[in-house]
Amino acid sequence: MIKKDLGFVLKRYNFRETSLIAHIYTENYGKITGILKGFYTMKKEFSTPLDNYSLNEFIFYPKKTEIWLVSYADLVSDYSFLRTDLVKIHVAAVIFDVIDRVMQIWDKNQAVFNLVKECLTYLRCREERKLLYIFLIKFLTLAGVKPHLNSCLNCHDDLDCDVYFSISKGGLFCSKCLYGIRDIQRIGKETISCLRYIQRTEFPYLWRLSPSYKSEEEIFFILKGFIAYHLDYNMSINLEVCN
């Protein structure tokens, strides 16, 4: 049955001489792989350049096979600011690479779709570095694989001043429960407060955060390590670009 949906272009590559295959993250079907036959023959049904990271309206035919036929694509937004700002391009590339690598095919998650849309809107005028770790924290929360930050993962008590994070265990530990844990890293109280605040707070209020550079470094340490260990994906983040 024919369907219409909005979708972001995660990545694309040519297929033969006239066609194109794209990974698309849609609002109602999750990640799909679509083939646009005759894309390069100037067909009127494809009124979009289908650039990476663009938002388009698609008409396609859902199937049980992995590749779906896309018969129509129309540009909704190309986020033109990404063409001229290398820092913003880098952040967008990380966001879309994470979505493409982590989200499973046909795994519908409208909240993740809306998060991507919101991040691209804010990326135009907000701090790139802050937006990147906000996206990653929100994404892990919405994907159901967030780190445990509310209490000690072992004894479940409230955390004291000395707080430690284990990447392999995926959460925080108090100073009394460190025995036998090899990959333990002390984490500042400010860092934990920032992580918790981002998890539970809506976007418009997140820009009030002004963590120290050290806290931001700790946030990225936790996020990169957690995603690499638990989601088997090594993110390529150039923190110098995002300074």
Protein backbone atom coordinates (compact mmCIF):
# COMPACT_ATOMS: atom_id res chain seq x y z
CA MET A 1 0.00 0.00 0.00
CA ILE A 2 1.30 3.44 -0.92
CA LYS A 3 2.35 5.71 1.98
CA LYS A 4 3.40 9.35 2.44
CA ASP A 5 5.75 10.50 5.18
CA LEU A 6 8.35 13.09 6.16
CA GLY A 7 11.95 11.94 6.36
CA PHE A 8 15.52 13.11 6.87
CA VAL A 9 18.20 11.94 4.43
CA LEU A 10 20.82 10.17 6.53
CA LYS A 11 23.06 9.29 3.60
CA ARG A 12 22.76 8.52 -0.09
CA TYR A 13 24.70 6.87 -2.88
CA ASN A 14 24.29 6.36 -6.58
CA PHE A 15 22.79 3.19 -8.02
CA ARG A 16 23.72 2.46 -11.61
CA GLU A 17 23.65 5.53 -13.86
CA THR A 18 20.24 7.06 -13.27
CA SER A 19 19.04 5.98 -9.85
CA LEU A 20 19.82 6.63 -6.21
CA ILE A 21 19.58 4.73 -2.93
CA ALA A 22 19.09 6.64 0.31
CA HIS A 23 18.91 5.86 4.01
CA ILE A 24 15.96 7.89 5.30
CA TYR A 25 14.78 8.43 8.87
CA THR A 26 11.02 8.88 8.67
CA GLU A 27 8.53 10.15 11.19
CA ASN A 28 6.18 7.16 11.13
CA TYR A 29 8.27 4.23 9.86
CA GLY A 30 11.66 4.83 11.46
CA LYS A 31 14.74 4.20 9.34
CA ILE A 32 14.10 2.91 5.84
CA THR A 33 16.21 2.32 2.76
CA GLY A 34 14.65 3.68 -0.39
CA ILE A 35 15.49 3.42 -4.06
CA LEU A 36 14.59 6.37 -6.29
CA LYS A 37 14.57 4.96 -9.81
CA GLY A 38 15.35 7.49 -12.53
CA PHE A 39 16.32 10.16 -10.01
CA TYR A 40 18.94 11.65 -12.36
CA THR A 41 16.63 11.74 -15.39
CA MET A 42 14.90 14.94 -14.20
CA LYS A 43 11.64 13.19 -13.39
CA LYS A 44 9.03 15.67 -12.16
CA GLU A 45 8.26 13.36 -9.23
CA PHE A 46 11.66 14.20 -7.69
CA SER A 47 11.64 17.96 -7.07
CA THR A 48 14.52 17.89 -4.57
CA PRO A 49 18.30 17.49 -4.78
CA LEU A 50 17.94 15.06 -1.84
CA ASP A 51 21.01 16.43 -0.08
CA ASN A 52 22.28 14.76 3.07
CA TYR A 53 20.56 16.08 6.24
CA SER A 54 17.65 17.59 4.27
CA LEU A 55 14.02 17.08 5.28
CA ASN A 56 11.75 15.86 2.49
CA GLU A 57 8.28 14.54 1.90
CA PHE A 58 8.31 11.04 0.41
CA ILE A 59 5.81 8.70 -1.17
CA PHE A 60 6.89 5.07 -1.01
CA TYR A 61 5.70 1.49 -1.04
CA PRO A 62 6.38 -0.39 2.23
CA LYS A 63 7.49 -3.98 1.66
CA LYS A 64 8.84 -6.91 3.64
CA THR A 65 12.09 -6.55 1.71
CA GLU A 66 14.80 -4.19 2.98
CA ILE A 67 14.71 -1.73 0.06
CA TRP A 68 11.49 0.18 -0.59
CA LEU A 69 10.56 1.91 -3.83
CA VAL A 70 10.29 5.70 -3.45
CA SER A 71 8.13 7.19 -6.20
CA TYR A 72 8.03 10.83 -5.07
CA ALA A 73 10.28 13.21 -3.12
CA ASP A 74 9.73 16.90 -2.45
CA LEU A 75 12.01 19.20 -0.46
CA VAL A 76 10.67 20.59 2.83
CA SER A 77 13.86 22.13 4.25
CA ASP A 78 17.50 21.93 3.17
CA TYR A 79 18.91 23.71 6.25
CA SER A 80 20.99 25.89 3.98
CA PHE A 81 23.15 27.23 6.84
CA LEU A 82 24.93 23.86 6.86
CA ARG A 83 26.51 24.62 3.49
CA THR A 84 28.76 27.38 4.78
CA ASP A 85 29.58 26.59 8.41
CA LEU A 86 32.06 23.75 8.92
CA VAL A 87 31.41 23.48 12.65
CA LYS A 88 27.67 23.11 12.16
CA ILE A 89 28.26 20.60 9.36
CA HIS A 90 30.43 18.54 11.71
CA VAL A 91 27.74 18.52 14.42
CA ALA A 92 25.01 17.62 11.93
CA ALA A 93 27.19 14.82 10.56
CA VAL A 94 27.61 13.34 14.05
CA ILE A 95 23.87 13.56 14.75
CA PHE A 96 22.88 11.81 11.53
CA ASP A 97 25.65 9.23 11.76
CA VAL A 98 24.49 8.28 15.27
CA ILE A 99 20.90 7.91 14.03
CA ASP A 100 21.99 5.81 11.05
CA ARG A 101 24.31 3.55 13.07
CA VAL A 102 22.20 3.07 16.20
CA MET A 103 18.56 3.06 15.10
CA GLN A 104 17.36 -0.23 13.70
CA ILE A 105 15.49 -0.46 10.41
CA TRP A 106 11.70 0.11 10.69
CA ASP A 107 12.02 0.93 14.40
CA LYS A 108 9.51 3.79 14.65
CA ASN A 109 10.35 6.47 17.23
CA GLN A 110 8.57 9.77 16.66
CA ALA A 111 10.27 11.31 19.68
CA VAL A 112 13.69 10.70 18.11
CA PHE A 113 12.46 12.13 14.81
CA ASN A 114 11.23 15.27 16.60
CA LEU A 115 14.53 15.50 18.49
CA VAL A 116 16.49 15.57 15.23
CA LYS A 117 14.16 18.21 13.82
CA GLU A 118 14.47 20.33 16.96
CA CYS A 119 18.26 20.02 17.03
CA LEU A 120 18.59 21.20 13.44
CA THR A 121 16.38 24.19 14.21
CA TYR A 122 18.51 25.19 17.21
CA LEU A 123 21.78 24.41 15.42
CA ARG A 124 21.29 27.48 13.25
CA CYS A 125 21.80 29.91 16.13
CA ARG A 126 23.03 28.06 19.24
CA GLU A 127 26.36 26.80 20.61
CA GLU A 128 27.38 23.76 18.61
CA ARG A 129 29.30 22.02 21.38
CA LYS A 130 26.43 22.31 23.86
CA LEU A 131 23.86 21.24 21.30
CA LEU A 132 25.85 18.12 20.47
CA TYR A 133 25.97 16.72 23.98
CA ILE A 134 22.36 17.77 24.58
CA PHE A 135 21.36 15.73 21.52
CA LEU A 136 23.36 12.69 22.65
CA ILE A 137 21.91 12.71 26.17
CA LYS A 138 18.36 13.19 24.89
CA PHE A 139 18.84 10.54 22.21
CA LEU A 140 20.03 7.89 24.67
CA THR A 141 17.08 8.70 26.94
CA LEU A 142 14.52 8.44 24.13
CA ALA A 143 16.13 5.29 22.73
CA GLY A 144 15.77 3.60 26.12
CA VAL A 145 19.48 3.03 26.73
CA LYS A 146 20.38 5.97 28.95
CA PRO A 147 23.09 5.76 31.65
CA HIS A 148 21.91 5.25 35.23
CA LEU A 149 22.38 8.59 36.97
CA ASN A 150 19.85 8.75 39.81
CA SER A 151 21.56 6.67 42.49
CA CYS A 152 24.41 4.27 43.14
CA LEU A 153 24.04 1.39 40.71
CA ASN A 154 25.13 -1.10 43.40
CA CYS A 155 23.55 -0.08 46.72
CA HIS A 156 20.89 2.26 45.26
CA ASP A 157 21.62 4.90 47.88
CA ASP A 158 21.69 8.59 47.08
CA LEU A 159 25.09 9.69 45.86
CA ASP A 160 27.49 11.53 48.13
CA CYS A 161 30.10 14.11 47.15
CA ASP A 162 32.45 11.48 45.70
CA VAL A 163 30.76 10.13 42.57
CA TYR A 164 32.22 7.66 40.08
CA PHE A 165 31.09 6.43 36.65
CA SER A 166 31.68 3.00 35.13
CA ILE A 167 31.33 2.77 31.35
CA SER A 168 31.00 -1.03 31.36
CA LYS A 169 28.36 -1.01 34.11
CA GLY A 170 26.59 1.96 32.56
CA GLY A 171 26.06 4.07 35.65
CA LEU A 172 27.21 5.85 38.78
CA PHE A 173 28.70 4.42 41.96
CA CYS A 174 29.24 5.87 45.40
CA SER A 175 32.62 5.74 47.12
CA LYS A 176 31.59 2.67 49.16
CA CYS A 177 30.85 0.45 46.13
CA LEU A 178 33.97 0.64 43.99
CA TYR A 179 35.53 -2.72 44.81
CA GLY A 180 36.13 -4.92 41.77
CA ILE A 181 35.17 -2.29 39.19
CA ARG A 182 38.12 -1.64 36.90
CA ASP A 183 36.91 1.10 34.57
CA ILE A 184 35.91 3.59 37.24
CA GLN A 185 36.29 7.33 36.70
CA ARG A 186 35.61 10.05 39.23
CA ILE A 187 33.02 12.52 37.96
CA GLY A 188 32.38 16.03 39.24
CA LYS A 189 29.13 16.95 40.96
CA GLU A 190 28.50 19.69 38.39
CA THR A 191 28.72 17.13 35.58
CA ILE A 192 26.13 14.85 37.17
CA SER A 193 23.79 17.78 37.78
CA CYS A 194 24.07 18.81 34.11
CA LEU A 195 23.39 15.29 32.84
CA ARG A 196 20.30 14.92 35.02
CA TYR A 197 19.00 18.36 34.09
CA ILE A 198 19.34 17.66 30.37
CA GLN A 199 17.57 14.30 30.69
CA ARG A 200 14.45 15.79 32.26
CA THR A 201 14.25 19.32 30.81
CA GLU A 202 12.68 20.59 27.60
CA PHE A 203 14.83 22.27 24.96
CA PRO A 204 13.94 25.95 25.49
CA TYR A 205 15.23 25.83 29.06
CA LEU A 206 18.46 23.95 28.38
CA TRP A 207 20.32 27.01 27.16
CA ARG A 208 20.41 28.29 30.72
CA LEU A 209 23.11 25.72 31.40
CA SER A 210 26.63 27.10 31.58
CA PRO A 211 28.83 24.17 32.64
CA SER A 212 32.56 24.56 32.99
CA TYR A 213 34.85 23.30 30.25
CA LYS A 214 35.95 20.48 32.59
CA SER A 215 32.35 19.35 33.06
CA GLU A 216 31.77 19.37 29.32
CA GLU A 217 34.88 17.22 28.87
CA GLU A 218 33.53 14.75 31.44
CA ILE A 219 30.13 14.71 29.72
CA PHE A 220 31.73 13.80 26.39
CA PHE A 221 33.92 11.18 28.11
CA ILE A 222 30.81 9.48 29.53
CA LEU A 223 28.80 9.71 26.31
CA LYS A 224 31.51 8.50 23.94
CA GLY A 225 32.50 5.62 26.20
CA PHE A 226 28.90 4.59 26.94
CA ILE A 227 27.88 4.58 23.26
CA ALA A 228 31.02 2.70 22.20
CA TYR A 229 30.60 0.00 24.85
CA HIS A 230 26.83 -0.47 24.96
CA LEU A 231 25.87 0.37 21.37
CA ASP A 232 29.07 -0.83 19.67
CA TYR A 233 29.60 2.46 17.88
CA ASN A 234 32.71 4.63 18.10
CA MET A 235 31.65 8.20 17.46
CA SER A 236 33.99 10.48 15.58
CA ILE A 237 33.75 13.77 17.45
CA ASN A 238 36.31 16.51 16.87
CA LEU A 239 36.03 18.46 20.12
CA GLU A 240 38.53 21.03 18.88
CA VAL A 241 36.17 21.92 16.02
CA CYS A 242 33.33 22.31 18.51
CA ASN A 243 35.19 24.64 20.89
